Amino acid sequence: MLPTKVIMGARRTFFGQALAGFVMGGLLLLGCLGLAMPATGQTPAKPRSAPEPAVKAAAILKILPFVQWPTNTFATSESTFVMVVLDAPEVAAQLEKVADEQKVGDHPIQILRHMPESSKDVHLVYVGRDYRRGLAGVPDAVRCSPTLLVGEQPGFARSGGTINLLLTAESSQIEISRGAASRVGIRFSSHLASLRAIQWIEGTKDQ
């Protein structure tokens, strides 16, 4: 049997390669997640670009293994990991397709399309580009808890958000704010920090 360190190192290497593949086109990640377009029996002349919502959903699920949460974030080792998706129905639909088959560590995933009455157990909030209230629409209790705030708007990670997915068929860019994350006790694995496609932002305007 291989030593635990070897197994963990191989696992991290795999995640790093998968995320790098996504940044270059998204097709590798979608295949791993079962989100790729079904085969038609014909060999296409050129590979088709993955739909933008599917690529964003895949990016979220591949970044999560690199997140280091505070020790008291979850009540138990198998507590549900709750994602709230605001005004991004296509991204929510893609996440719902794979939520039953994916886990965050040992935590099953639940996707909500609205903020629950009790927001203390929310672990990720996805703010769609059409969500008019933006970060102001996220309750203070959520913003001050170990919650990943993920958006898809220019400037999101510089205005208090944690992760900004600026992903289109033409270009791919991921911004991550270390300042927003560390303020609520969230850290990122050094393996994620080594990927060139990610732009790291040290602080935010509201600090």
N, C-alpha and C. Protein backbone atom coordinates (compact mmCIF):
# COMPACT_ATOMS: atom_id res chain seq x y z
N MET A 1 0.85 -1.19 0.00
CA MET A 1 0.00 0.00 0.00
C MET A 1 0.89 1.24 0.00
N LEU A 2 0.52 2.21 -0.81
CA LEU A 2 1.31 3.43 -0.88
C LEU A 2 1.14 4.27 0.38
N PRO A 3 2.19 4.97 0.79
CA PRO A 3 2.07 5.87 1.97
C PRO A 3 1.02 6.93 1.73
N THR A 4 0.39 7.41 2.82
CA THR A 4 -0.68 8.42 2.72
C THR A 4 -0.18 9.68 2.03
N LYS A 5 1.05 10.11 2.32
CA LYS A 5 1.57 11.33 1.72
C LYS A 5 1.67 11.21 0.21
N VAL A 6 2.04 10.00 -0.26
CA VAL A 6 2.15 9.79 -1.70
C VAL A 6 0.78 9.87 -2.35
N ILE A 7 -0.21 9.22 -1.70
CA ILE A 7 -1.57 9.25 -2.24
C ILE A 7 -2.11 10.67 -2.29
N MET A 8 -1.94 11.44 -1.19
CA MET A 8 -2.44 12.80 -1.15
C MET A 8 -1.73 13.67 -2.18
N GLY A 9 -0.42 13.45 -2.34
CA GLY A 9 0.31 14.23 -3.33
C GLY A 9 -0.18 13.96 -4.73
N ALA A 10 -0.47 12.69 -5.03
CA ALA A 10 -0.98 12.34 -6.35
C ALA A 10 -2.35 12.94 -6.58
N ARG A 11 -3.17 12.94 -5.50
CA ARG A 11 -4.51 13.51 -5.62
C ARG A 11 -4.44 15.00 -5.91
N ARG A 12 -3.58 15.72 -5.20
CA ARG A 12 -3.44 17.15 -5.41
C ARG A 12 -2.93 17.46 -6.81
N THR A 13 -1.98 16.61 -7.27
CA THR A 13 -1.45 16.80 -8.62
C THR A 13 -2.56 16.64 -9.64
N PHE A 14 -3.43 15.64 -9.43
CA PHE A 14 -4.53 15.42 -10.36
C PHE A 14 -5.46 16.63 -10.40
N PHE A 15 -5.83 17.15 -9.21
CA PHE A 15 -6.71 18.32 -9.18
C PHE A 15 -6.06 19.51 -9.86
N GLY A 16 -4.76 19.69 -9.63
CA GLY A 16 -4.08 20.81 -10.26
C GLY A 16 -4.08 20.69 -11.76
N GLN A 17 -3.84 19.49 -12.28
CA GLN A 17 -3.83 19.28 -13.72
C GLN A 17 -5.23 19.46 -14.30
N ALA A 18 -6.24 18.98 -13.56
CA ALA A 18 -7.61 19.12 -14.05
C ALA A 18 -8.03 20.58 -14.14
N LEU A 19 -7.69 21.36 -13.10
CA LEU A 19 -8.06 22.76 -13.10
C LEU A 19 -7.31 23.52 -14.19
N ALA A 20 -6.03 23.18 -14.37
CA ALA A 20 -5.27 23.81 -15.44
C ALA A 20 -5.88 23.49 -16.80
N GLY A 21 -6.33 22.24 -16.97
CA GLY A 21 -6.97 21.87 -18.22
C GLY A 21 -8.24 22.66 -18.46
N PHE A 22 -8.99 22.91 -17.39
CA PHE A 22 -10.21 23.71 -17.50
C PHE A 22 -9.91 25.13 -17.97
N VAL A 23 -8.89 25.72 -17.40
CA VAL A 23 -8.55 27.09 -17.75
C VAL A 23 -8.18 27.19 -19.22
N MET A 24 -7.61 26.16 -19.76
CA MET A 24 -7.22 26.16 -21.16
C MET A 24 -8.38 25.88 -22.09
N GLY A 25 -9.50 25.45 -21.60
CA GLY A 25 -10.61 25.21 -22.51
C GLY A 25 -11.86 24.67 -21.88
N GLY A 26 -11.76 24.06 -20.71
CA GLY A 26 -12.93 23.60 -20.00
C GLY A 26 -13.37 22.19 -20.34
N LEU A 27 -12.92 21.61 -21.42
CA LEU A 27 -13.43 20.34 -21.87
C LEU A 27 -13.01 19.19 -20.96
N LEU A 28 -11.78 19.21 -20.44
CA LEU A 28 -11.31 18.14 -19.58
C LEU A 28 -12.14 18.05 -18.31
N LEU A 29 -12.41 19.21 -17.71
CA LEU A 29 -13.19 19.20 -16.47
C LEU A 29 -14.60 18.71 -16.71
N LEU A 30 -15.20 19.15 -17.79
CA LEU A 30 -16.57 18.76 -18.04
C LEU A 30 -16.67 17.27 -18.27
N GLY A 31 -15.66 16.70 -18.91
CA GLY A 31 -15.65 15.26 -19.08
C GLY A 31 -15.58 14.53 -17.76
N CYS A 32 -14.72 15.04 -16.84
CA CYS A 32 -14.58 14.41 -15.52
C CYS A 32 -15.87 14.50 -14.73
N LEU A 33 -16.63 15.58 -14.92
CA LEU A 33 -17.85 15.79 -14.14
C LEU A 33 -19.09 15.22 -14.82
N GLY A 34 -18.94 14.66 -16.02
CA GLY A 34 -20.09 14.13 -16.72
C GLY A 34 -20.94 15.20 -17.34
N LEU A 35 -20.36 16.40 -17.58
CA LEU A 35 -21.14 17.51 -18.13
C LEU A 35 -20.88 17.69 -19.62
N ALA A 36 -20.00 16.88 -20.19
CA ALA A 36 -19.68 17.05 -21.61
C ALA A 36 -20.90 16.70 -22.45
N MET A 37 -20.95 17.22 -23.66
CA MET A 37 -22.05 16.94 -24.56
C MET A 37 -22.05 15.46 -24.91
N PRO A 38 -23.23 14.81 -25.03
CA PRO A 38 -23.27 13.39 -25.34
C PRO A 38 -22.75 13.11 -26.74
N ALA A 39 -22.21 11.91 -26.91
CA ALA A 39 -21.67 11.53 -28.22
C ALA A 39 -22.80 11.38 -29.22
N THR A 40 -22.55 11.74 -30.45
CA THR A 40 -23.57 11.67 -31.51
C THR A 40 -23.29 10.54 -32.48
N GLY A 41 -22.16 9.83 -32.31
CA GLY A 41 -21.84 8.77 -33.25
C GLY A 41 -20.99 9.25 -34.40
N GLN A 42 -20.77 10.56 -34.48
CA GLN A 42 -19.95 11.13 -35.52
C GLN A 42 -18.78 11.85 -34.90
N THR A 43 -17.66 11.80 -35.55
CA THR A 43 -16.47 12.48 -35.06
C THR A 43 -16.49 13.92 -35.53
N PRO A 44 -16.59 14.90 -34.64
CA PRO A 44 -16.64 16.30 -35.06
C PRO A 44 -15.32 16.75 -35.63
N ALA A 45 -15.40 17.69 -36.53
CA ALA A 45 -14.18 18.21 -37.15
C ALA A 45 -13.35 18.97 -36.12
N LYS A 46 -14.03 19.70 -35.23
CA LYS A 46 -13.36 20.45 -34.18
C LYS A 46 -14.11 20.25 -32.87
N PRO A 47 -13.40 20.19 -31.75
CA PRO A 47 -14.11 20.07 -30.46
C PRO A 47 -14.90 21.33 -30.17
N ARG A 48 -16.14 21.12 -29.71
CA ARG A 48 -16.98 22.28 -29.41
C ARG A 48 -16.65 22.83 -28.04
N SER A 49 -16.73 24.14 -27.91
CA SER A 49 -16.49 24.76 -26.61
C SER A 49 -17.62 24.39 -25.66
N ALA A 50 -17.29 24.19 -24.40
CA ALA A 50 -18.29 23.88 -23.40
C ALA A 50 -19.14 25.11 -23.12
N PRO A 51 -20.45 24.92 -22.82
CA PRO A 51 -21.30 26.06 -22.47
C PRO A 51 -20.74 26.79 -21.26
N GLU A 52 -20.85 28.11 -21.27
CA GLU A 52 -20.28 28.92 -20.18
C GLU A 52 -20.80 28.51 -18.81
N PRO A 53 -22.12 28.31 -18.59
CA PRO A 53 -22.58 27.91 -17.25
C PRO A 53 -21.98 26.58 -16.80
N ALA A 54 -21.81 25.64 -17.72
CA ALA A 54 -21.24 24.35 -17.36
C ALA A 54 -19.79 24.49 -16.95
N VAL A 55 -19.06 25.34 -17.64
CA VAL A 55 -17.65 25.57 -17.30
C VAL A 55 -17.54 26.21 -15.93
N LYS A 56 -18.42 27.15 -15.62
CA LYS A 56 -18.38 27.82 -14.31
C LYS A 56 -18.73 26.84 -13.19
N ALA A 57 -19.72 25.99 -13.43
CA ALA A 57 -20.07 24.99 -12.43
C ALA A 57 -18.90 24.04 -12.19
N ALA A 58 -18.25 23.64 -13.29
CA ALA A 58 -17.10 22.74 -13.17
C ALA A 58 -15.95 23.42 -12.43
N ALA A 59 -15.75 24.69 -12.69
CA ALA A 59 -14.67 25.43 -12.02
C ALA A 59 -14.89 25.45 -10.52
N ILE A 60 -16.12 25.71 -10.09
CA ILE A 60 -16.44 25.75 -8.66
C ILE A 60 -16.10 24.42 -8.00
N LEU A 61 -16.56 23.33 -8.62
CA LEU A 61 -16.36 22.02 -8.02
C LEU A 61 -14.90 21.59 -8.01
N LYS A 62 -14.12 22.10 -8.93
CA LYS A 62 -12.71 21.74 -8.96
C LYS A 62 -11.85 22.64 -8.06
N ILE A 63 -12.33 23.83 -7.75
CA ILE A 63 -11.60 24.70 -6.84
C ILE A 63 -11.82 24.28 -5.39
N LEU A 64 -13.01 23.78 -5.07
CA LEU A 64 -13.36 23.48 -3.68
C LEU A 64 -12.38 22.55 -2.96
N PRO A 65 -11.81 21.53 -3.61
CA PRO A 65 -10.84 20.69 -2.88
C PRO A 65 -9.60 21.44 -2.42
N PHE A 66 -9.34 22.62 -2.98
CA PHE A 66 -8.18 23.40 -2.59
C PHE A 66 -8.48 24.36 -1.43
N VAL A 67 -9.73 24.40 -0.98
CA VAL A 67 -10.13 25.34 0.07
C VAL A 67 -9.90 24.71 1.44
N GLN A 68 -9.32 25.47 2.33
CA GLN A 68 -9.08 25.02 3.70
C GLN A 68 -10.01 25.80 4.63
N TRP A 69 -10.98 25.11 5.22
CA TRP A 69 -12.00 25.74 6.03
C TRP A 69 -11.58 25.77 7.50
N PRO A 70 -12.07 26.73 8.27
CA PRO A 70 -11.83 26.71 9.72
C PRO A 70 -12.35 25.42 10.33
N THR A 71 -11.73 24.97 11.40
CA THR A 71 -12.05 23.66 11.97
C THR A 71 -13.50 23.55 12.45
N ASN A 72 -14.12 24.66 12.82
CA ASN A 72 -15.48 24.61 13.35
C ASN A 72 -16.54 24.95 12.31
N THR A 73 -16.18 24.89 11.02
CA THR A 73 -17.13 25.27 9.97
C THR A 73 -18.32 24.33 9.91
N PHE A 74 -18.07 23.03 10.05
CA PHE A 74 -19.13 22.03 9.90
C PHE A 74 -19.42 21.38 11.25
N ALA A 75 -20.71 21.15 11.50
CA ALA A 75 -21.12 20.54 12.76
C ALA A 75 -20.58 19.13 12.90
N THR A 76 -20.60 18.37 11.81
CA THR A 76 -20.06 17.01 11.80
C THR A 76 -19.26 16.82 10.52
N SER A 77 -18.55 15.71 10.44
CA SER A 77 -17.73 15.43 9.26
C SER A 77 -18.56 15.14 8.03
N GLU A 78 -19.86 14.89 8.22
CA GLU A 78 -20.73 14.58 7.09
C GLU A 78 -21.87 15.59 6.94
N SER A 79 -21.72 16.77 7.55
CA SER A 79 -22.73 17.81 7.41
C SER A 79 -22.85 18.24 5.95
N THR A 80 -24.03 18.70 5.57
CA THR A 80 -24.27 19.11 4.18
C THR A 80 -23.54 20.40 3.85
N PHE A 81 -22.94 20.42 2.68
CA PHE A 81 -22.30 21.63 2.15
C PHE A 81 -23.35 22.35 1.32
N VAL A 82 -23.74 23.55 1.75
CA VAL A 82 -24.85 24.28 1.13
C VAL A 82 -24.32 25.37 0.20
N MET A 83 -24.73 25.31 -1.07
CA MET A 83 -24.42 26.35 -2.04
C MET A 83 -25.71 27.10 -2.38
N VAL A 84 -25.66 28.42 -2.32
CA VAL A 84 -26.78 29.26 -2.72
C VAL A 84 -26.41 29.96 -4.01
N VAL A 85 -27.24 29.81 -5.02
CA VAL A 85 -26.98 30.42 -6.33
C VAL A 85 -28.04 31.49 -6.57
N LEU A 86 -27.61 32.75 -6.64
CA LEU A 86 -28.54 33.88 -6.77
C LEU A 86 -28.54 34.39 -8.22
N ASP A 87 -29.69 34.29 -8.85
CA ASP A 87 -29.90 34.88 -10.17
C ASP A 87 -28.90 34.38 -11.22
N ALA A 88 -28.59 33.10 -11.15
CA ALA A 88 -27.78 32.46 -12.19
C ALA A 88 -28.37 31.06 -12.40
N PRO A 89 -29.59 31.00 -12.96
CA PRO A 89 -30.30 29.72 -13.05
C PRO A 89 -29.58 28.66 -13.88
N GLU A 90 -28.85 29.07 -14.89
CA GLU A 90 -28.17 28.08 -15.72
C GLU A 90 -26.99 27.45 -14.97
N VAL A 91 -26.29 28.25 -14.18
CA VAL A 91 -25.22 27.72 -13.36
C VAL A 91 -25.80 26.79 -12.29
N ALA A 92 -26.91 27.21 -11.67
CA ALA A 92 -27.57 26.38 -10.67
C ALA A 92 -27.99 25.04 -11.26
N ALA A 93 -28.53 25.07 -12.47
CA ALA A 93 -28.98 23.84 -13.12
C ALA A 93 -27.81 22.88 -13.36
N GLN A 94 -26.67 23.43 -13.75
CA GLN A 94 -25.51 22.58 -13.98
C GLN A 94 -25.00 21.98 -12.66
N LEU A 95 -25.01 22.76 -11.60
CA LEU A 95 -24.58 22.24 -10.30
C LEU A 95 -25.55 21.17 -9.80
N GLU A 96 -26.84 21.39 -10.03
CA GLU A 96 -27.84 20.41 -9.59
C GLU A 96 -27.67 19.07 -10.30
N LYS A 97 -27.19 19.11 -11.54
CA LYS A 97 -27.01 17.87 -12.29
C LYS A 97 -26.00 16.93 -11.65
N VAL A 98 -25.01 17.50 -11.00
CA VAL A 98 -23.92 16.68 -10.47
C VAL A 98 -23.85 16.67 -8.94
N ALA A 99 -24.73 17.42 -8.29
CA ALA A 99 -24.66 17.55 -6.83
C ALA A 99 -24.79 16.20 -6.12
N ASP A 100 -25.62 15.31 -6.66
CA ASP A 100 -25.81 14.01 -6.01
C ASP A 100 -24.59 13.10 -6.15
N GLU A 101 -23.75 13.40 -7.13
CA GLU A 101 -22.59 12.53 -7.39
C GLU A 101 -21.29 13.12 -6.84
N GLN A 102 -21.32 14.38 -6.45
CA GLN A 102 -20.12 15.05 -5.97
C GLN A 102 -20.21 15.30 -4.46
N LYS A 103 -19.06 15.41 -3.83
CA LYS A 103 -18.99 15.79 -2.43
C LYS A 103 -17.87 16.80 -2.23
N VAL A 104 -17.98 17.57 -1.18
CA VAL A 104 -16.88 18.44 -0.76
C VAL A 104 -16.24 17.74 0.43
N GLY A 105 -15.14 17.06 0.20
CA GLY A 105 -14.61 16.16 1.22
C GLY A 105 -15.60 15.04 1.43
N ASP A 106 -16.11 14.89 2.66
CA ASP A 106 -17.15 13.89 2.95
C ASP A 106 -18.53 14.52 3.03
N HIS A 107 -18.64 15.79 2.65
CA HIS A 107 -19.89 16.51 2.81
C HIS A 107 -20.75 16.44 1.55
N PRO A 108 -21.99 15.92 1.64
CA PRO A 108 -22.90 15.97 0.50
C PRO A 108 -23.24 17.41 0.16
N ILE A 109 -23.61 17.65 -1.09
CA ILE A 109 -23.86 19.01 -1.58
C ILE A 109 -25.35 19.26 -1.75
N GLN A 110 -25.80 20.43 -1.33
CA GLN A 110 -27.17 20.88 -1.56
C GLN A 110 -27.13 22.21 -2.28
N ILE A 111 -27.92 22.34 -3.35
CA ILE A 111 -27.98 23.57 -4.13
C ILE A 111 -29.31 24.28 -3.85
N LEU A 112 -29.25 25.55 -3.45
CA LEU A 112 -30.44 26.36 -3.24
C LEU A 112 -30.41 27.54 -4.20
N ARG A 113 -31.60 27.98 -4.63
CA ARG A 113 -31.68 29.12 -5.55
C ARG A 113 -32.16 30.38 -4.84
N HIS A 114 -32.21 30.34 -3.54
CA HIS A 114 -32.58 31.52 -2.76
C HIS A 114 -31.89 31.41 -1.40
N MET A 115 -31.75 32.53 -0.74
CA MET A 115 -31.10 32.53 0.58
C MET A 115 -32.06 31.94 1.61
N PRO A 116 -31.65 30.94 2.37
CA PRO A 116 -32.53 30.34 3.38
C PRO A 116 -32.77 31.30 4.54
N GLU A 117 -33.82 31.02 5.33
CA GLU A 117 -34.13 31.87 6.48
C GLU A 117 -32.96 31.90 7.47
N SER A 118 -32.38 30.75 7.70
CA SER A 118 -31.20 30.68 8.56
C SER A 118 -29.98 30.52 7.66
N SER A 119 -29.15 31.54 7.67
CA SER A 119 -28.00 31.54 6.75
C SER A 119 -26.71 31.10 7.41
N LYS A 120 -26.79 30.61 8.65
CA LYS A 120 -25.56 30.27 9.37
C LYS A 120 -24.85 29.06 8.79
N ASP A 121 -25.59 28.20 8.07
CA ASP A 121 -24.97 26.99 7.52
C ASP A 121 -24.70 27.08 6.02
N VAL A 122 -24.72 28.28 5.47
CA VAL A 122 -24.41 28.48 4.06
C VAL A 122 -22.89 28.52 3.89
N HIS A 123 -22.38 27.76 2.95
CA HIS A 123 -20.93 27.66 2.78
C HIS A 123 -20.42 28.31 1.50
N LEU A 124 -21.29 28.50 0.54
CA LEU A 124 -20.90 29.16 -0.72
C LEU A 124 -22.10 29.91 -1.27
N VAL A 125 -21.88 31.15 -1.68
CA VAL A 125 -22.92 31.94 -2.34
C VAL A 125 -22.40 32.35 -3.71
N TYR A 126 -23.14 31.97 -4.74
CA TYR A 126 -22.79 32.35 -6.11
C TYR A 126 -23.68 33.52 -6.50
N VAL A 127 -23.07 34.66 -6.77
CA VAL A 127 -23.81 35.87 -7.13
C VAL A 127 -23.78 36.04 -8.65
N GLY A 128 -24.91 35.81 -9.29
CA GLY A 128 -24.98 35.92 -10.75
C GLY A 128 -24.80 37.35 -11.22
N ARG A 129 -24.40 37.49 -12.47
CA ARG A 129 -24.15 38.84 -13.00
C ARG A 129 -25.41 39.69 -13.08
N ASP A 130 -26.58 39.04 -13.07
CA ASP A 130 -27.84 39.78 -13.16
C ASP A 130 -28.47 40.03 -11.79
N TYR A 131 -27.80 39.60 -10.74
CA TYR A 131 -28.35 39.83 -9.41
C TYR A 131 -28.16 41.30 -9.05
N ARG A 132 -29.24 42.05 -9.04
CA ARG A 132 -29.16 43.51 -8.95
C ARG A 132 -28.53 44.01 -7.67
N ARG A 133 -28.74 43.32 -6.58
CA ARG A 133 -28.24 43.81 -5.29
C ARG A 133 -26.76 43.50 -5.10
N GLY A 134 -26.22 42.63 -5.93
CA GLY A 134 -24.81 42.29 -5.82
C GLY A 134 -24.45 41.79 -4.43
N LEU A 135 -23.25 42.10 -3.98
CA LEU A 135 -22.82 41.65 -2.65
C LEU A 135 -23.67 42.25 -1.54
N ALA A 136 -24.29 43.42 -1.80
CA ALA A 136 -25.14 44.04 -0.78
C ALA A 136 -26.35 43.17 -0.47
N GLY A 137 -26.72 42.28 -1.40
CA GLY A 137 -27.86 41.41 -1.19
C GLY A 137 -27.53 40.16 -0.39
N VAL A 138 -26.26 39.98 -0.06
CA VAL A 138 -25.85 38.83 0.77
C VAL A 138 -25.90 39.26 2.23
N PRO A 139 -26.64 38.56 3.08
CA PRO A 139 -26.77 38.96 4.49
C PRO A 139 -25.42 39.11 5.18
N ASP A 140 -25.35 40.06 6.09
CA ASP A 140 -24.10 40.29 6.82
C ASP A 140 -23.63 39.04 7.55
N ALA A 141 -24.58 38.25 8.07
CA ALA A 141 -24.22 37.03 8.79
C ALA A 141 -23.46 36.06 7.90
N VAL A 142 -23.81 36.04 6.62
CA VAL A 142 -23.12 35.17 5.66
C VAL A 142 -21.76 35.76 5.30
N ARG A 143 -21.74 37.05 5.05
CA ARG A 143 -20.49 37.69 4.64
C ARG A 143 -19.43 37.66 5.74
N CYS A 144 -19.86 37.55 6.98
CA CYS A 144 -18.91 37.53 8.11
C CYS A 144 -18.61 36.11 8.58
N SER A 145 -19.15 35.11 7.88
CA SER A 145 -18.91 33.71 8.24
C SER A 145 -17.96 33.08 7.23
N PRO A 146 -17.45 31.88 7.50
CA PRO A 146 -16.56 31.22 6.54
C PRO A 146 -17.33 30.76 5.29
N THR A 147 -17.70 31.72 4.48
CA THR A 147 -18.49 31.47 3.28
C THR A 147 -17.74 31.97 2.06
N LEU A 148 -17.64 31.13 1.04
CA LEU A 148 -17.04 31.55 -0.21
C LEU A 148 -18.06 32.38 -0.99
N LEU A 149 -17.68 33.60 -1.34
CA LEU A 149 -18.54 34.47 -2.14
C LEU A 149 -17.99 34.44 -3.56
N VAL A 150 -18.74 33.82 -4.45
CA VAL A 150 -18.29 33.61 -5.83
C VAL A 150 -19.15 34.46 -6.76
N GLY A 151 -18.51 35.17 -7.68
CA GLY A 151 -19.25 36.01 -8.61
C GLY A 151 -18.73 35.86 -10.03
N GLU A 152 -19.31 36.64 -10.92
CA GLU A 152 -18.95 36.58 -12.34
C GLU A 152 -19.02 37.97 -12.97
N GLN A 153 -18.64 38.96 -12.19
CA GLN A 153 -18.69 40.35 -12.64
C GLN A 153 -17.32 41.01 -12.49
N PRO A 154 -16.92 41.86 -13.42
CA PRO A 154 -15.65 42.58 -13.26
C PRO A 154 -15.62 43.35 -11.94
N GLY A 155 -14.53 43.22 -11.21
CA GLY A 155 -14.38 43.94 -9.95
C GLY A 155 -14.94 43.22 -8.74
N PHE A 156 -15.56 42.06 -8.92
CA PHE A 156 -16.22 41.37 -7.82
C PHE A 156 -15.23 41.02 -6.71
N ALA A 157 -14.08 40.47 -7.09
CA ALA A 157 -13.10 40.05 -6.09
C ALA A 157 -12.36 41.22 -5.45
N ARG A 158 -12.49 42.40 -6.02
CA ARG A 158 -11.85 43.59 -5.45
C ARG A 158 -12.82 44.39 -4.59
N SER A 159 -14.06 43.93 -4.50
CA SER A 159 -15.08 44.66 -3.75
C SER A 159 -15.67 43.83 -2.62
N GLY A 160 -14.96 42.79 -2.18
CA GLY A 160 -15.44 41.98 -1.07
C GLY A 160 -15.71 40.54 -1.41
N GLY A 161 -15.77 40.20 -2.71
CA GLY A 161 -15.99 38.82 -3.10
C GLY A 161 -14.72 37.99 -2.94
N THR A 162 -14.89 36.67 -2.87
CA THR A 162 -13.74 35.79 -2.69
C THR A 162 -13.19 35.30 -4.02
N ILE A 163 -14.08 34.82 -4.89
CA ILE A 163 -13.66 34.24 -6.17
C ILE A 163 -14.49 34.88 -7.28
N ASN A 164 -13.81 35.26 -8.35
CA ASN A 164 -14.49 35.84 -9.50
C ASN A 164 -14.18 35.00 -10.74
N LEU A 165 -15.23 34.45 -11.36
CA LEU A 165 -15.07 33.61 -12.54
C LEU A 165 -15.40 34.42 -13.78
N LEU A 166 -14.38 34.93 -14.44
CA LEU A 166 -14.57 35.69 -15.68
C LEU A 166 -14.27 34.75 -16.84
N LEU A 167 -15.24 33.88 -17.13
CA LEU A 167 -15.02 32.79 -18.08
C LEU A 167 -16.00 32.90 -19.24
N THR A 168 -15.47 32.94 -20.43
CA THR A 168 -16.28 32.97 -21.63
C THR A 168 -15.66 32.00 -22.63
N ALA A 169 -16.31 31.86 -23.80
CA ALA A 169 -15.75 31.00 -24.84
C ALA A 169 -14.45 31.56 -25.38
N GLU A 170 -14.24 32.87 -25.23
CA GLU A 170 -13.06 33.51 -25.79
C GLU A 170 -11.90 33.61 -24.81
N SER A 171 -12.19 33.69 -23.52
CA SER A 171 -11.11 33.88 -22.56
C SER A 171 -11.49 33.26 -21.22
N SER A 172 -10.47 32.98 -20.40
CA SER A 172 -10.67 32.39 -19.08
C SER A 172 -9.79 33.09 -18.07
N GLN A 173 -10.42 33.60 -17.02
CA GLN A 173 -9.66 34.25 -15.97
C GLN A 173 -10.35 34.01 -14.63
N ILE A 174 -9.58 33.64 -13.64
CA ILE A 174 -10.10 33.42 -12.29
C ILE A 174 -9.38 34.36 -11.35
N GLU A 175 -10.12 35.17 -10.62
CA GLU A 175 -9.55 36.06 -9.62
C GLU A 175 -9.92 35.54 -8.23
N ILE A 176 -8.95 35.50 -7.34
CA ILE A 176 -9.21 35.08 -5.97
C ILE A 176 -8.63 36.11 -5.02
N SER A 177 -9.45 36.56 -4.10
CA SER A 177 -9.02 37.56 -3.13
C SER A 177 -8.57 36.87 -1.84
N ARG A 178 -7.29 36.89 -1.58
CA ARG A 178 -6.78 36.35 -0.33
C ARG A 178 -7.31 37.15 0.86
N GLY A 179 -7.45 38.47 0.66
CA GLY A 179 -7.93 39.33 1.74
C GLY A 179 -9.33 38.97 2.18
N ALA A 180 -10.25 38.79 1.21
CA ALA A 180 -11.63 38.45 1.54
C ALA A 180 -11.71 37.08 2.19
N ALA A 181 -10.88 36.15 1.74
CA ALA A 181 -10.90 34.81 2.31
C ALA A 181 -10.36 34.78 3.73
N SER A 182 -9.19 35.39 3.92
CA SER A 182 -8.55 35.34 5.24
C SER A 182 -9.36 36.09 6.29
N ARG A 183 -10.13 37.08 5.87
CA ARG A 183 -10.94 37.85 6.81
C ARG A 183 -11.98 36.97 7.52
N VAL A 184 -12.40 35.87 6.86
CA VAL A 184 -13.39 34.98 7.48
C VAL A 184 -12.77 33.62 7.81
N GLY A 185 -11.45 33.54 7.80
CA GLY A 185 -10.77 32.33 8.22
C GLY A 185 -10.58 31.26 7.17
N ILE A 186 -10.82 31.60 5.90
CA ILE A 186 -10.64 30.64 4.81
C ILE A 186 -9.25 30.80 4.21
N ARG A 187 -8.62 29.66 3.91
CA ARG A 187 -7.32 29.67 3.27
C ARG A 187 -7.37 28.76 2.04
N PHE A 188 -6.37 28.92 1.17
CA PHE A 188 -6.29 28.11 -0.03
C PHE A 188 -5.00 27.31 -0.04
N SER A 189 -5.08 26.09 -0.55
CA SER A 189 -3.92 25.24 -0.65
C SER A 189 -2.84 25.87 -1.53
N SER A 190 -1.60 25.64 -1.19
CA SER A 190 -0.49 26.16 -1.99
C SER A 190 -0.49 25.57 -3.39
N HIS A 191 -1.11 24.42 -3.57
CA HIS A 191 -1.18 23.81 -4.90
C HIS A 191 -2.05 24.66 -5.83
N LEU A 192 -3.08 25.28 -5.29
CA LEU A 192 -3.90 26.18 -6.09
C LEU A 192 -3.13 27.46 -6.39
N ALA A 193 -2.36 27.92 -5.44
CA ALA A 193 -1.62 29.17 -5.60
C ALA A 193 -0.57 29.06 -6.70
N SER A 194 -0.17 27.84 -7.05
CA SER A 194 0.88 27.67 -8.05
C SER A 194 0.37 27.75 -9.48
N LEU A 195 -0.94 27.78 -9.67
CA LEU A 195 -1.49 27.79 -11.02
C LEU A 195 -1.43 29.19 -11.63
N ARG A 196 -0.86 29.29 -12.81
CA ARG A 196 -0.63 30.58 -13.44
C ARG A 196 -1.93 31.28 -13.84
N ALA A 197 -2.98 30.51 -14.13
CA ALA A 197 -4.20 31.11 -14.66
C ALA A 197 -4.96 31.92 -13.62
N ILE A 198 -4.61 31.79 -12.36
CA ILE A 198 -5.32 32.50 -11.30
C ILE A 198 -4.61 33.81 -10.98
N GLN A 199 -5.40 34.86 -10.92
CA GLN A 199 -4.87 36.16 -10.50
C GLN A 199 -5.22 36.35 -9.02
N TRP A 200 -4.20 36.49 -8.19
CA TRP A 200 -4.40 36.63 -6.76
C TRP A 200 -4.51 38.09 -6.37
N ILE A 201 -5.51 38.40 -5.56
CA ILE A 201 -5.75 39.76 -5.10
C ILE A 201 -5.57 39.76 -3.59
N GLU A 202 -4.69 40.59 -3.11
CA GLU A 202 -4.34 40.55 -1.69
C GLU A 202 -5.38 41.22 -0.80
N GLY A 203 -5.97 42.30 -1.23
CA GLY A 203 -6.91 43.05 -0.39
C GLY A 203 -8.19 43.38 -1.11
N THR A 204 -9.12 44.00 -0.39
CA THR A 204 -10.40 44.40 -0.97
C THR A 204 -10.69 45.83 -0.57
N LYS A 205 -11.60 46.47 -1.28
CA LYS A 205 -11.91 47.88 -1.04
C LYS A 205 -12.50 48.12 0.34
N ASP A 206 -13.22 47.08 0.90
CA ASP A 206 -13.90 47.33 2.16
C ASP A 206 -13.05 46.98 3.37
N GLN A 207 -11.76 46.71 3.16
CA GLN A 207 -10.90 46.43 4.31
C GLN A 207 -10.37 47.69 4.91
